[in-house]
Amino acid sequence: MDSADKDAVEAVLSEQRREILEAKTVSADLDFAFDLQMQEAITASMRHLPSSSSSSLSPPPPPPPSPPPSAPPAEPEFDYVSLLLDDIERLNQEWRDREASEYFLQEMKTDLDRRIFDQNFAGEILDIPADQWEKYGDNYEKPYGSGGGGGGGGESSSDASSSSKVAAELAWVSAETFRLYFKGLESEERVRDKKVTVAGFGVAICDSKDNLIFELSKRLDAATVSRSAGKISEGLLVGIHALIEGLNAALNFDLKKLTFLCDDFMAYQYLTGRVQPTQAEVLDLVTQVSSLQRKFTECTPALVGRNNIKFAFKLARDAIVSQITWPEETGNGGKSRKETCVICYEDTDTAQMFSVNGCLHRYCFGCMKQHVEVKLLNGKDAKCPHESCDSVIEILSCATFLDPKLVDMLSLRRKEAAIPVKDKIYCPYPKCSELMTKTEVLAYTKLSLVGAEVSGARKCMKCKKYFCINCKVPWHYDMTCADYKRSNHHPREDKMLNTLANKSKWRQCVKCSHMIELDHGCYHITCRCGYEFCYTCGAPWKNKRATCTCPIWDERNIIRR
């Protein structure tokens, strides 16, 4: 609506208010005149009555007539004028609120356009060669709204329409292709010993670089999205509801180009028209989506994995959680939020509930502690306890309920498993022993030491001390590796360790120099660096076979434990 229409509406509302107030004033004046005339008439009639000071010979005045029977009190007359004034004032307030909302939305659109302009401008600056930037960098500028491909294109002429101004101001928004993430969830949860079906969805709109510009988390009445005799997949209707909300939000921002990312294969088939839905509920929603798509310059779907839905999945889960928590009075008069753990069925404070990162299923700390510890003791990765859910639980996220030492140990174990054997390196200092990759430690050393790749010197990323990548010992500054091995300049700790190793019959890995003690089991040793050898003679194993004739085990070692 342009400014002329707004002025016309305001003029009509002002004129109606003025006319009603004038009518109310005239009515009040007429009532006042009528009351005044009645008082004058009563006063005039009282003048014609005989005076009480007349002669005593005059006959006494007749007794006053008995008052007529009292009539029932009249009901107060309804004030229609005040009602009309209230309606006009309410309409006027709604009009002002709408104007404020439109102004706020326009400010958000302009800020978004300016942000896209700044990002593109920053990209242009990064592409400028260093020599040109050194010469002309101080003179390089491009203010927002100065033209050159968008961002306002300068001020419009005074006779330009408001719509053309908005179109000019949002030129960068019009050129950008945005991403719409949406996710709908429908779940059967336990709330206070009762199973209830809850539904919710999340919507996130991002720019082409995945910077979040809008998000929405909303609960949905599960009855409105109930599956028709189980023929509609779980969450499909809720997901399309989320898409409709997201498309409407994108239209409010005047976005022209949009890609909406879908992780539901069946919904993707419906939305692309490859499969015609047979259920009336799905068909109606898909029709609404098609109608909204036509309002964009470009609006295309893309099928992605669930992990690529990003923000929307968490927003949908937040909408679910908001429906399965409730306030409960505490002993000190305060309130806390409670939630039912579906493993132990105990009502637990929401602060003591753990959310699995991959799927956002929630369980209490006590149940998760037992579940994770049992899986790890059996040498397995801990996964979400929810039925048919394959989300792997991240060890670092378990620090809230696991012992910190156990978390560190498991993190190190996973890191060791993830690094290829040939790329592993441990810091040789006994008080450090940090696990690193050869690639990263070389890149780190190059920052502070020239010629590190040739010399073999490396700098530990944890303790910051130098060591030899070839000898796996502290760095020998004035000697080559061969000279160091022939010398007696080994640290005192190394000499003590070698003495203890010889006395205890320990073996040292020839690959990483790690000292190994056989506690029980066979003589086939697999070092932490992956090197396999015979504990008896040190001969290597190749292709899972021994290259020596030593016995593979001692029966006493096998049955020791």
Protein backbone atom coordinates (compact mmCIF):
# COMPACT_ATOMS: atom_id res chain seq x y z
CA MET A 1 0.00 0.00 0.00
CA ASP A 2 1.50 3.34 -1.06
CA SER A 3 1.58 6.57 0.95
CA ALA A 4 -1.48 8.03 -0.87
CA ASP A 5 -3.67 5.09 0.20
CA LYS A 6 -2.36 5.32 3.77
CA ASP A 7 -3.17 9.04 3.90
CA ALA A 8 -6.67 8.39 2.54
CA VAL A 9 -7.40 5.72 5.20
CA GLU A 10 -6.13 7.98 7.97
CA ALA A 11 -8.29 10.84 6.67
CA VAL A 12 -11.41 8.64 6.64
CA LEU A 13 -10.77 7.43 10.21
CA SER A 14 -10.19 11.00 11.44
CA GLU A 15 -13.36 12.26 9.73
CA GLN A 16 -15.49 9.47 11.21
CA ARG A 17 -14.14 10.15 14.68
CA ARG A 18 -14.83 13.89 14.30
CA GLU A 19 -18.41 13.34 13.08
CA ILE A 20 -19.22 10.91 15.90
CA LEU A 21 -17.80 13.28 18.52
CA GLU A 22 -19.84 16.18 17.04
CA ALA A 23 -23.00 14.05 17.06
CA LYS A 24 -22.33 13.09 20.67
CA THR A 25 -21.82 16.76 21.58
CA VAL A 26 -25.08 17.81 19.86
CA SER A 27 -26.99 15.04 21.64
CA ALA A 28 -25.57 16.16 24.97
CA ASP A 29 -26.52 19.80 24.22
CA LEU A 30 -30.12 18.81 23.39
CA ASP A 31 -30.43 16.85 26.62
CA PHE A 32 -29.08 19.80 28.57
CA ALA A 33 -31.53 22.24 26.88
CA PHE A 34 -34.46 19.91 27.61
CA ASP A 35 -33.51 19.65 31.31
CA LEU A 36 -33.17 23.45 31.52
CA GLN A 37 -36.62 24.02 29.98
CA MET A 38 -38.22 21.56 32.41
CA GLN A 39 -36.66 23.36 35.36
CA GLU A 40 -37.95 26.73 34.12
CA ALA A 41 -41.48 25.33 33.65
CA ILE A 42 -41.55 23.91 37.21
CA THR A 43 -40.32 27.23 38.61
CA ALA A 44 -43.03 29.19 36.72
CA SER A 45 -45.82 26.86 37.95
CA MET A 46 -44.70 27.28 41.55
CA ARG A 47 -45.19 31.09 41.31
CA HIS A 48 -49.00 30.69 40.81
CA LEU A 49 -49.53 28.71 44.03
CA PRO A 50 -51.13 30.71 47.06
CA SER A 51 -48.59 32.15 49.45
CA SER A 52 -48.29 30.74 52.97
CA SER A 53 -48.37 34.37 54.41
CA SER A 54 -52.05 35.03 53.44
CA SER A 55 -54.78 35.92 56.05
CA SER A 56 -55.62 33.39 58.73
CA LEU A 57 -59.26 33.71 57.68
CA SER A 58 -58.49 32.04 54.40
CA PRO A 59 -59.43 28.44 54.18
CA PRO A 60 -56.59 25.98 54.61
CA PRO A 61 -55.03 24.71 51.46
CA PRO A 62 -56.16 21.34 50.25
CA PRO A 63 -53.98 18.42 51.21
CA PRO A 64 -51.36 17.52 48.63
CA PRO A 65 -52.33 14.73 46.33
CA SER A 66 -50.98 11.34 47.15
CA PRO A 67 -47.91 10.47 45.08
CA PRO A 68 -48.50 8.14 42.20
CA PRO A 69 -47.27 4.59 42.61
CA SER A 70 -43.53 4.37 41.97
CA ALA A 71 -42.60 3.02 38.57
CA PRO A 72 -39.80 0.49 38.18
CA PRO A 73 -36.39 2.13 37.52
CA ALA A 74 -35.63 2.43 33.88
CA GLU A 75 -32.74 0.40 32.51
CA PRO A 76 -29.69 2.47 31.59
CA GLU A 77 -29.59 3.26 27.93
CA PHE A 78 -26.80 1.48 25.99
CA ASP A 79 -24.07 3.88 24.85
CA TYR A 80 -23.68 3.03 21.15
CA VAL A 81 -21.64 6.15 20.52
CA SER A 82 -18.88 5.06 22.94
CA LEU A 83 -18.87 1.62 21.36
CA LEU A 84 -18.37 3.15 17.90
CA LEU A 85 -15.57 5.33 19.23
CA ASP A 86 -13.89 2.31 20.82
CA ASP A 87 -14.10 0.40 17.53
CA ILE A 88 -12.58 3.29 15.61
CA GLU A 89 -9.80 3.66 18.18
CA ARG A 90 -9.11 -0.08 18.02
CA LEU A 91 -8.99 0.03 14.23
CA ASN A 92 -6.68 3.01 14.39
CA GLN A 93 -4.36 1.18 16.83
CA GLU A 94 -4.29 -1.88 14.59
CA TRP A 95 -3.42 0.38 11.68
CA ARG A 96 -0.53 1.92 13.63
CA ASP A 97 0.70 -1.53 14.68
CA ARG A 98 0.61 -2.68 11.08
CA GLU A 99 2.58 0.36 9.98
CA ALA A 100 5.19 -0.31 12.68
CA SER A 101 5.40 -3.96 11.64
CA GLU A 102 5.83 -3.03 7.99
CA TYR A 103 8.51 -0.52 8.89
CA PHE A 104 10.35 -3.08 11.02
CA LEU A 105 10.14 -5.70 8.24
CA GLN A 106 11.44 -3.20 5.71
CA GLU A 107 14.36 -2.40 8.02
CA MET A 108 15.16 -6.12 8.25
CA LYS A 109 15.05 -6.41 4.45
CA THR A 110 17.39 -3.45 4.05
CA ASP A 111 19.80 -4.83 6.68
CA LEU A 112 19.83 -8.18 4.88
CA ASP A 113 20.50 -6.47 1.55
CA ARG A 114 23.32 -4.45 3.10
CA ARG A 115 24.84 -7.57 4.65
CA ILE A 116 24.86 -9.39 1.30
CA PHE A 117 26.44 -6.31 -0.29
CA ASP A 118 29.17 -6.27 2.39
CA GLN A 119 29.89 -9.98 1.90
CA ASN A 120 30.22 -9.58 -1.86
CA PHE A 121 32.38 -6.51 -1.40
CA ALA A 122 34.64 -8.40 1.02
CA GLY A 123 34.98 -11.16 -1.57
CA GLU A 124 36.00 -8.61 -4.18
CA ILE A 125 38.65 -7.22 -1.85
CA LEU A 126 40.09 -10.69 -1.21
CA ASP A 127 40.42 -11.23 -4.97
CA ILE A 128 42.51 -8.09 -5.46
CA PRO A 129 46.18 -8.96 -6.11
CA ALA A 130 48.56 -7.95 -3.32
CA ASP A 131 50.57 -5.55 -5.52
CA GLN A 132 47.45 -3.70 -6.65
CA TRP A 133 46.11 -3.52 -3.11
CA GLU A 134 49.41 -2.09 -1.90
CA LYS A 135 49.22 0.68 -4.53
CA TYR A 136 45.52 1.47 -4.69
CA GLY A 137 44.04 -0.09 -1.54
CA ASP A 138 43.57 3.24 0.24
CA ASN A 139 41.45 4.53 -2.64
CA TYR A 140 39.29 1.43 -3.04
CA GLU A 141 35.79 2.05 -1.74
CA LYS A 142 32.25 1.11 -2.66
CA PRO A 143 29.60 2.52 -0.31
CA TYR A 144 26.32 0.72 0.00
CA GLY A 145 23.73 2.33 -2.27
CA SER A 146 26.28 3.78 -4.66
CA GLY A 147 25.24 1.59 -7.58
CA GLY A 148 27.49 -0.87 -9.35
CA GLY A 149 25.32 -3.95 -9.46
CA GLY A 150 22.81 -3.31 -6.73
CA GLY A 151 22.69 -2.18 -3.16
CA GLY A 152 20.35 0.72 -3.76
CA GLY A 153 21.60 2.19 -7.00
CA GLY A 154 21.47 5.70 -5.48
CA GLU A 155 18.44 7.67 -4.34
CA SER A 156 15.30 7.51 -6.45
CA SER A 157 13.84 10.62 -8.00
CA SER A 158 11.22 12.50 -6.02
CA ASP A 159 8.41 11.38 -8.27
CA ALA A 160 9.34 7.68 -8.13
CA SER A 161 6.82 5.35 -6.55
CA SER A 162 7.41 3.67 -3.19
CA SER A 163 7.45 0.20 -4.75
CA SER A 164 10.24 1.17 -7.15
CA LYS A 165 12.28 2.47 -4.21
CA VAL A 166 11.92 -0.83 -2.38
CA ALA A 167 12.87 -2.76 -5.51
CA ALA A 168 15.98 -0.61 -5.92
CA GLU A 169 16.96 -0.93 -2.26
CA LEU A 170 16.78 -4.75 -2.33
CA ALA A 171 18.76 -5.32 -5.52
CA TRP A 172 21.36 -7.50 -3.77
CA VAL A 173 18.65 -9.62 -2.13
CA SER A 174 17.05 -10.16 -5.54
CA ALA A 175 20.32 -11.42 -7.00
CA GLU A 176 21.15 -13.78 -4.11
CA THR A 177 20.05 -17.44 -4.06
CA PHE A 178 18.95 -18.35 -0.53
CA ARG A 179 18.62 -21.75 1.12
CA LEU A 180 15.58 -22.91 3.04
CA TYR A 181 16.09 -25.75 5.53
CA PHE A 182 12.96 -27.33 6.97
CA LYS A 183 12.21 -30.36 9.12
CA GLY A 184 9.03 -31.78 10.62
CA LEU A 185 9.01 -34.29 13.46
CA GLU A 186 6.18 -36.38 14.85
CA SER A 187 6.97 -38.47 17.88
CA GLU A 188 5.32 -40.56 20.55
CA GLU A 189 6.66 -39.33 23.88
CA ARG A 190 5.97 -40.15 27.50
CA VAL A 191 4.65 -37.30 29.64
CA ARG A 192 3.80 -38.06 33.27
CA ASP A 193 3.28 -41.81 32.72
CA LYS A 194 1.16 -41.21 29.62
CA LYS A 195 2.13 -41.70 26.00
CA VAL A 196 1.23 -38.71 23.86
CA THR A 197 1.81 -37.93 20.19
CA VAL A 198 3.50 -34.58 19.67
CA ALA A 199 4.53 -32.79 16.50
CA GLY A 200 6.70 -29.80 15.72
CA PHE A 201 8.79 -28.34 12.97
CA GLY A 202 11.78 -26.09 12.42
CA VAL A 203 12.55 -23.68 9.59
CA ALA A 204 15.85 -21.92 8.86
CA ILE A 205 16.60 -19.54 5.99
CA CYS A 206 20.26 -18.94 5.13
CA ASP A 207 22.12 -17.02 2.46
CA SER A 208 24.34 -18.68 -0.13
CA LYS A 209 27.18 -18.92 2.42
CA ASP A 210 24.92 -20.58 5.02
CA ASN A 211 24.75 -17.54 7.29
CA LEU A 212 21.50 -17.79 9.25
CA ILE A 213 19.05 -14.93 8.62
CA PHE A 214 15.76 -16.38 9.94
CA GLU A 215 14.71 -19.29 12.12
CA LEU A 216 11.38 -20.60 13.40
CA SER A 217 10.52 -23.35 15.87
CA LYS A 218 6.83 -24.15 16.14
CA ARG A 219 4.73 -26.83 17.74
CA LEU A 220 1.87 -28.35 15.77
CA ASP A 221 -1.31 -30.05 16.89
CA ALA A 222 -0.68 -33.72 16.19
CA ALA A 223 -4.40 -34.23 15.46
CA THR A 224 -4.14 -31.99 12.40
CA VAL A 225 -1.39 -34.13 10.90
CA SER A 226 -2.58 -37.59 11.94
CA ARG A 227 -1.56 -40.25 9.46
CA SER A 228 -4.39 -41.74 7.40
CA ALA A 229 -4.56 -45.33 8.60
CA GLY A 230 -0.80 -45.42 8.78
CA LYS A 231 -0.40 -44.91 5.03
CA ILE A 232 1.44 -41.57 5.35
CA SER A 233 5.02 -41.78 6.53
CA GLU A 234 5.78 -40.34 9.95
CA GLY A 235 6.61 -36.64 9.87
CA LEU A 236 5.76 -36.16 6.18
CA LEU A 237 2.75 -33.91 6.73
CA VAL A 238 4.54 -31.95 9.45
CA GLY A 239 7.49 -31.47 7.13
CA ILE A 240 5.33 -30.04 4.33
CA HIS A 241 3.64 -27.75 6.87
CA ALA A 242 7.15 -26.54 7.77
CA LEU A 243 7.96 -25.93 4.10
CA ILE A 244 4.81 -23.83 3.65
CA GLU A 245 5.72 -21.72 6.69
CA GLY A 246 9.25 -21.27 5.35
CA LEU A 247 8.08 -20.25 1.87
CA ASN A 248 5.70 -17.66 3.35
CA ALA A 249 8.53 -16.27 5.49
CA ALA A 250 10.79 -16.05 2.42
CA LEU A 251 8.07 -14.15 0.53
CA ASN A 252 7.76 -11.71 3.43
CA PHE A 253 11.48 -11.00 3.03
CA ASP A 254 10.95 -10.42 -0.71
CA LEU A 255 13.40 -13.20 -1.57
CA LYS A 256 13.34 -13.98 -5.28
CA LYS A 257 15.62 -17.00 -5.64
CA LEU A 258 15.32 -19.92 -3.26
CA THR A 259 16.44 -23.52 -2.94
CA PHE A 260 14.62 -25.57 -0.31
CA LEU A 261 16.48 -28.63 0.97
CA CYS A 262 14.46 -31.75 1.75
CA ASP A 263 15.71 -34.86 3.56
CA ASP A 264 12.51 -36.92 3.11
CA PHE A 265 12.69 -38.94 -0.12
CA MET A 266 8.93 -39.44 -0.39
CA ALA A 267 8.23 -35.74 0.22
CA TYR A 268 10.82 -34.89 -2.43
CA GLN A 269 9.04 -37.17 -4.91
CA TYR A 270 5.73 -35.42 -4.21
CA LEU A 271 7.16 -31.90 -4.35
CA THR A 272 8.94 -32.50 -7.66
CA GLY A 273 5.84 -34.05 -9.24
CA ARG A 274 7.51 -37.38 -9.89
CA VAL A 275 4.90 -39.15 -7.78
CA GLN A 276 1.29 -38.03 -7.47
CA PRO A 277 0.06 -38.23 -3.86
CA THR A 278 -3.06 -40.35 -3.34
CA GLN A 279 -3.98 -38.99 0.11
CA ALA A 280 -6.15 -35.87 0.10
CA GLU A 281 -4.20 -34.23 2.96
CA VAL A 282 -0.87 -34.58 1.16
CA LEU A 283 -2.31 -33.47 -2.18
CA ASP A 284 -3.76 -30.31 -0.64
CA LEU A 285 -0.44 -29.35 0.99
CA VAL A 286 1.59 -30.10 -2.16
CA THR A 287 -0.81 -27.88 -4.13
CA GLN A 288 -0.20 -25.05 -1.66
CA VAL A 289 3.56 -25.48 -2.06
CA SER A 290 3.26 -25.35 -5.87
CA SER A 291 1.20 -22.17 -5.63
CA LEU A 292 3.83 -20.52 -3.39
CA GLN A 293 6.69 -21.64 -5.66
CA ARG A 294 5.21 -19.69 -8.57
CA LYS A 295 5.59 -16.46 -6.59
CA PHE A 296 9.40 -16.72 -6.74
CA THR A 297 11.65 -16.03 -9.70
CA GLU A 298 13.42 -19.31 -8.94
CA CYS A 299 12.31 -21.88 -6.39
CA THR A 300 13.68 -25.40 -6.70
CA PRO A 301 13.88 -28.38 -4.31
CA ALA A 302 17.04 -30.36 -3.52
CA LEU A 303 17.29 -33.77 -1.87
CA VAL A 304 19.93 -33.97 0.89
CA GLY A 305 20.84 -36.21 3.79
CA ARG A 306 19.50 -35.61 7.28
CA ASN A 307 22.88 -34.36 8.49
CA ASN A 308 22.69 -31.55 5.93
CA ILE A 309 19.45 -30.12 7.31
CA LYS A 310 21.58 -28.24 9.84
CA PHE A 311 19.64 -25.82 12.04
CA ALA A 312 16.14 -27.02 11.12
CA PHE A 313 16.41 -30.43 12.79
CA LYS A 314 17.39 -28.95 16.15
CA LEU A 315 14.61 -26.35 15.89
CA ALA A 316 12.07 -29.11 15.22
CA ARG A 317 13.34 -31.11 18.18
CA ASP A 318 13.12 -28.01 20.38
CA ALA A 319 9.46 -27.74 19.40
CA ILE A 320 8.96 -31.36 20.49
CA VAL A 321 10.78 -30.85 23.80
CA SER A 322 8.68 -27.77 24.59
CA GLN A 323 5.59 -30.00 24.58
CA ILE A 324 6.93 -32.78 26.80
CA THR A 325 8.25 -30.58 29.63
CA TRP A 326 6.19 -29.07 32.39
CA PRO A 327 6.81 -26.74 35.36
CA GLU A 328 6.93 -28.26 38.81
CA GLU A 329 7.10 -26.59 42.21
CA THR A 330 10.38 -27.02 44.08
CA GLY A 331 10.94 -27.13 47.82
CA ASN A 332 12.12 -23.52 48.05
CA GLY A 333 9.04 -22.15 46.32
CA GLY A 334 10.59 -21.90 42.87
CA LYS A 335 9.75 -23.80 39.70
CA SER A 336 11.79 -26.17 37.57
CA ARG A 337 11.15 -27.81 34.19
CA LYS A 338 10.61 -31.57 34.29
CA GLU A 339 10.83 -34.17 31.56
CA THR A 340 10.22 -37.93 31.55
CA CYS A 341 13.15 -40.17 30.59
CA VAL A 342 11.77 -42.91 28.32
CA ILE A 343 14.31 -45.47 29.63
CA CYS A 344 13.74 -45.28 33.38
CA TYR A 345 10.37 -43.41 33.23
CA GLU A 346 11.57 -41.04 35.93
CA ASP A 347 10.59 -37.35 35.94
CA THR A 348 13.92 -35.56 35.61
CA ASP A 349 14.95 -31.93 35.58
CA THR A 350 15.55 -30.80 32.00
CA ALA A 351 19.05 -29.65 32.98
CA GLN A 352 19.85 -33.32 33.76
CA MET A 353 18.71 -34.57 30.34
CA PHE A 354 21.25 -35.47 27.65
CA SER A 355 20.50 -34.77 23.99
CA VAL A 356 22.19 -36.98 21.38
CA ASN A 357 23.75 -34.69 18.78
CA GLY A 358 22.88 -36.66 15.67
CA CYS A 359 19.18 -37.20 16.35
CA LEU A 360 18.48 -35.05 19.46
CA HIS A 361 16.76 -37.90 21.31
CA ARG A 362 16.86 -37.15 25.03
CA TYR A 363 17.60 -39.33 28.07
CA CYS A 364 18.61 -38.68 31.67
CA PHE A 365 22.29 -38.60 32.64
CA GLY A 366 22.06 -41.77 34.77
CA CYS A 367 20.68 -43.94 31.95
CA MET A 368 23.13 -42.52 29.41
CA LYS A 369 26.09 -43.14 31.74
CA GLN A 370 25.23 -46.82 32.09
CA HIS A 371 24.52 -47.18 28.37
CA VAL A 372 27.77 -45.55 27.21
CA GLU A 373 30.00 -47.32 29.74
CA VAL A 374 28.63 -50.78 28.86
CA LYS A 375 29.17 -50.19 25.14
CA LEU A 376 32.71 -48.89 25.63
CA LEU A 377 33.71 -51.75 27.95
CA ASN A 378 32.61 -54.16 25.19
CA GLY A 379 34.77 -52.30 22.70
CA LYS A 380 31.84 -50.92 20.71
CA ASP A 381 30.86 -47.43 19.69
CA ALA A 382 28.01 -46.04 21.77
CA LYS A 383 24.95 -45.26 19.69
CA CYS A 384 21.65 -43.63 20.55
CA PRO A 385 19.48 -46.00 22.66
CA HIS A 386 16.37 -45.08 20.66
CA GLU A 387 14.99 -47.98 18.65
CA SER A 388 16.27 -48.10 15.04
CA CYS A 389 18.37 -44.95 15.55
CA ASP A 390 21.99 -45.18 14.35
CA SER A 391 23.28 -41.84 15.60
CA VAL A 392 26.76 -42.26 17.13
CA ILE A 393 27.26 -40.57 20.50
CA GLU A 394 30.23 -38.21 20.51
CA ILE A 395 32.53 -38.93 23.42
CA LEU A 396 33.34 -35.28 24.08
CA SER A 397 29.64 -34.52 24.52
CA CYS A 398 29.49 -37.14 27.31
CA ALA A 399 31.73 -35.09 29.61
CA THR A 400 28.63 -33.97 31.53
CA PHE A 401 28.05 -37.45 32.96
CA LEU A 402 31.26 -39.46 32.36
CA ASP A 403 34.50 -39.27 34.34
CA PRO A 404 36.84 -36.73 32.67
CA LYS A 405 39.75 -39.20 32.64
CA LEU A 406 37.57 -41.76 30.84
CA VAL A 407 36.53 -39.13 28.29
CA ASP A 408 40.18 -38.19 27.63
CA MET A 409 41.19 -41.84 27.29
CA LEU A 410 38.36 -42.65 24.88
CA SER A 411 39.01 -39.52 22.84
CA LEU A 412 42.65 -40.52 22.49
CA ARG A 413 41.65 -44.05 21.51
CA ARG A 414 39.35 -42.75 18.78
CA LYS A 415 42.01 -40.35 17.57
CA GLU A 416 44.53 -43.21 17.36
CA ALA A 417 42.06 -45.30 15.38
CA ALA A 418 41.35 -42.43 12.98
CA ILE A 419 45.03 -41.70 12.13
CA PRO A 420 46.76 -44.01 9.61
CA VAL A 421 49.57 -46.06 11.10
CA LYS A 422 52.25 -44.49 8.92
CA ASP A 423 51.21 -40.97 9.90
CA LYS A 424 51.23 -41.42 13.70
CA ILE A 425 53.86 -39.81 15.90
CA TYR A 426 54.09 -39.50 19.69
CA CYS A 427 56.02 -36.90 21.62
CA PRO A 428 59.06 -38.73 23.14
CA TYR A 429 59.05 -36.73 26.37
CA PRO A 430 57.65 -39.02 29.12
CA LYS A 431 55.57 -36.28 30.73
CA CYS A 432 53.88 -35.41 27.43
CA SER A 433 53.45 -38.37 24.97
CA GLU A 434 51.06 -36.28 22.84
CA LEU A 435 49.64 -38.08 19.80
CA MET A 436 50.05 -36.14 16.55
CA THR A 437 50.15 -36.74 12.82
CA LYS A 438 53.41 -36.30 10.97
CA THR A 439 51.74 -33.90 8.56
CA GLU A 440 50.36 -31.54 11.19
CA VAL A 441 53.48 -31.54 13.37
CA LEU A 442 55.64 -30.69 10.34
CA ALA A 443 53.38 -27.79 9.39
CA TYR A 444 53.45 -26.59 13.01
CA THR A 445 57.27 -26.79 13.18
CA LYS A 446 57.72 -24.82 9.96
CA LEU A 447 56.11 -21.83 11.65
CA SER A 448 59.07 -21.46 13.99
CA LEU A 449 61.97 -23.42 12.44
CA VAL A 450 63.50 -23.09 8.97
CA GLY A 451 64.62 -26.32 7.28
CA ALA A 452 62.64 -28.60 9.60
CA GLU A 453 61.82 -31.03 6.81
CA VAL A 454 65.51 -31.63 6.02
CA SER A 455 66.87 -31.68 9.57
CA GLY A 456 64.21 -33.97 11.01
CA ALA A 457 63.51 -31.66 13.96
CA ARG A 458 59.91 -31.40 15.09
CA LYS A 459 58.18 -29.24 17.69
CA CYS A 460 55.58 -30.88 19.89
CA MET A 461 52.22 -29.17 19.59
CA LYS A 462 51.49 -29.69 23.28
CA CYS A 463 54.69 -29.26 25.32
CA LYS A 464 56.42 -27.07 22.66
CA LYS A 465 59.71 -29.04 22.98
CA TYR A 466 61.77 -30.19 20.00
CA PHE A 467 62.38 -33.85 19.18
CA CYS A 468 63.81 -35.93 16.33
CA ILE A 469 61.27 -37.47 13.98
CA ASN A 470 63.76 -40.16 12.94
CA CYS A 471 65.16 -41.25 16.32
CA LYS A 472 61.96 -40.57 18.28
CA VAL A 473 64.07 -38.94 21.02
CA PRO A 474 64.53 -35.37 22.30
CA TRP A 475 66.27 -33.23 19.71
CA HIS A 476 70.06 -33.70 19.44
CA TYR A 477 71.14 -30.26 18.29
CA ASP A 478 74.84 -30.77 17.45
CA MET A 479 74.78 -34.42 16.33
CA THR A 480 73.38 -36.47 13.50
CA CYS A 481 71.06 -39.35 14.21
CA ALA A 482 73.86 -41.89 13.64
CA ASP A 483 76.23 -40.03 15.97
CA TYR A 484 73.54 -39.78 18.63
CA LYS A 485 72.90 -43.52 18.53
CA ARG A 486 76.64 -44.28 18.95
CA SER A 487 77.11 -41.76 21.75
CA ASN A 488 76.35 -42.01 25.42
CA HIS A 489 74.54 -38.69 25.51
CA HIS A 490 71.19 -40.26 26.16
CA PRO A 491 69.13 -38.51 28.82
CA ARG A 492 69.31 -39.90 32.32
CA GLU A 493 65.67 -40.94 32.11
CA ASP A 494 66.37 -42.96 28.94
CA LYS A 495 69.26 -44.80 30.61
CA MET A 496 67.11 -45.65 33.60
CA LEU A 497 64.32 -46.82 31.32
CA ASN A 498 66.68 -49.03 29.31
CA THR A 499 68.08 -50.55 32.49
CA LEU A 500 64.60 -51.30 33.78
CA ALA A 501 63.56 -52.67 30.38
CA ASN A 502 66.51 -55.08 30.24
CA LYS A 503 65.85 -56.23 33.79
CA SER A 504 62.12 -56.73 33.20
CA LYS A 505 62.60 -58.15 29.67
CA TRP A 506 60.53 -55.47 28.01
CA ARG A 507 60.68 -54.92 24.28
CA GLN A 508 60.98 -51.65 22.35
CA CYS A 509 59.10 -51.05 19.11
CA VAL A 510 61.57 -50.38 16.30
CA LYS A 511 59.07 -48.08 14.56
CA CYS A 512 58.03 -45.68 17.31
CA SER A 513 60.47 -46.64 20.14
CA HIS A 514 57.52 -47.27 22.44
CA MET A 515 58.38 -49.61 25.33
CA ILE A 516 56.09 -52.67 25.62
CA GLU A 517 55.58 -55.17 28.46
CA LEU A 518 53.82 -58.46 27.85
CA ASP A 519 51.22 -58.84 30.58
CA HIS A 520 49.38 -61.87 29.27
CA GLY A 521 48.49 -63.47 25.97
CA CYS A 522 50.55 -64.63 23.01
CA TYR A 523 53.93 -63.37 21.77
CA HIS A 524 52.40 -61.71 18.71
CA ILE A 525 52.57 -58.00 19.63
CA THR A 526 50.74 -55.18 17.89
CA CYS A 527 52.18 -51.82 18.97
CA ARG A 528 50.02 -48.73 19.34
CA CYS A 529 51.63 -47.42 16.13
CA GLY A 530 50.37 -50.49 14.28
CA TYR A 531 53.72 -52.27 13.90
CA GLU A 532 53.52 -56.06 14.52
CA PHE A 533 56.47 -58.09 15.80
CA CYS A 534 57.53 -61.10 17.87
CA TYR A 535 57.95 -60.34 21.54
CA THR A 536 60.60 -63.04 21.93
CA CYS A 537 63.09 -61.96 19.26
CA GLY A 538 61.68 -58.74 17.80
CA ALA A 539 61.25 -60.13 14.26
CA PRO A 540 58.47 -58.38 12.32
CA TRP A 541 55.20 -59.99 11.32
CA LYS A 542 54.18 -59.64 7.68
CA ASN A 543 50.71 -60.27 6.30
CA LYS A 544 49.61 -61.51 9.73
CA ARG A 545 52.33 -64.19 9.71
CA ALA A 546 55.48 -64.54 11.80
CA THR A 547 58.87 -64.30 10.06
CA CYS A 548 60.62 -66.22 12.84
CA THR A 549 60.35 -69.74 14.31
CA CYS A 550 59.78 -68.67 17.93
CA PRO A 551 56.77 -70.23 19.70
CA ILE A 552 53.66 -68.12 19.39
CA TRP A 553 52.57 -68.52 23.00
CA ASP A 554 53.42 -69.92 26.40
CA GLU A 555 50.56 -71.81 28.00
CA ARG A 556 51.21 -70.20 31.39
CA ASN A 557 50.83 -66.76 29.78
CA ILE A 558 47.57 -67.72 28.12
CA ILE A 559 45.83 -69.02 31.26
CA ARG A 560 47.36 -66.52 33.66
CA ARG A 561 44.11 -64.56 33.82
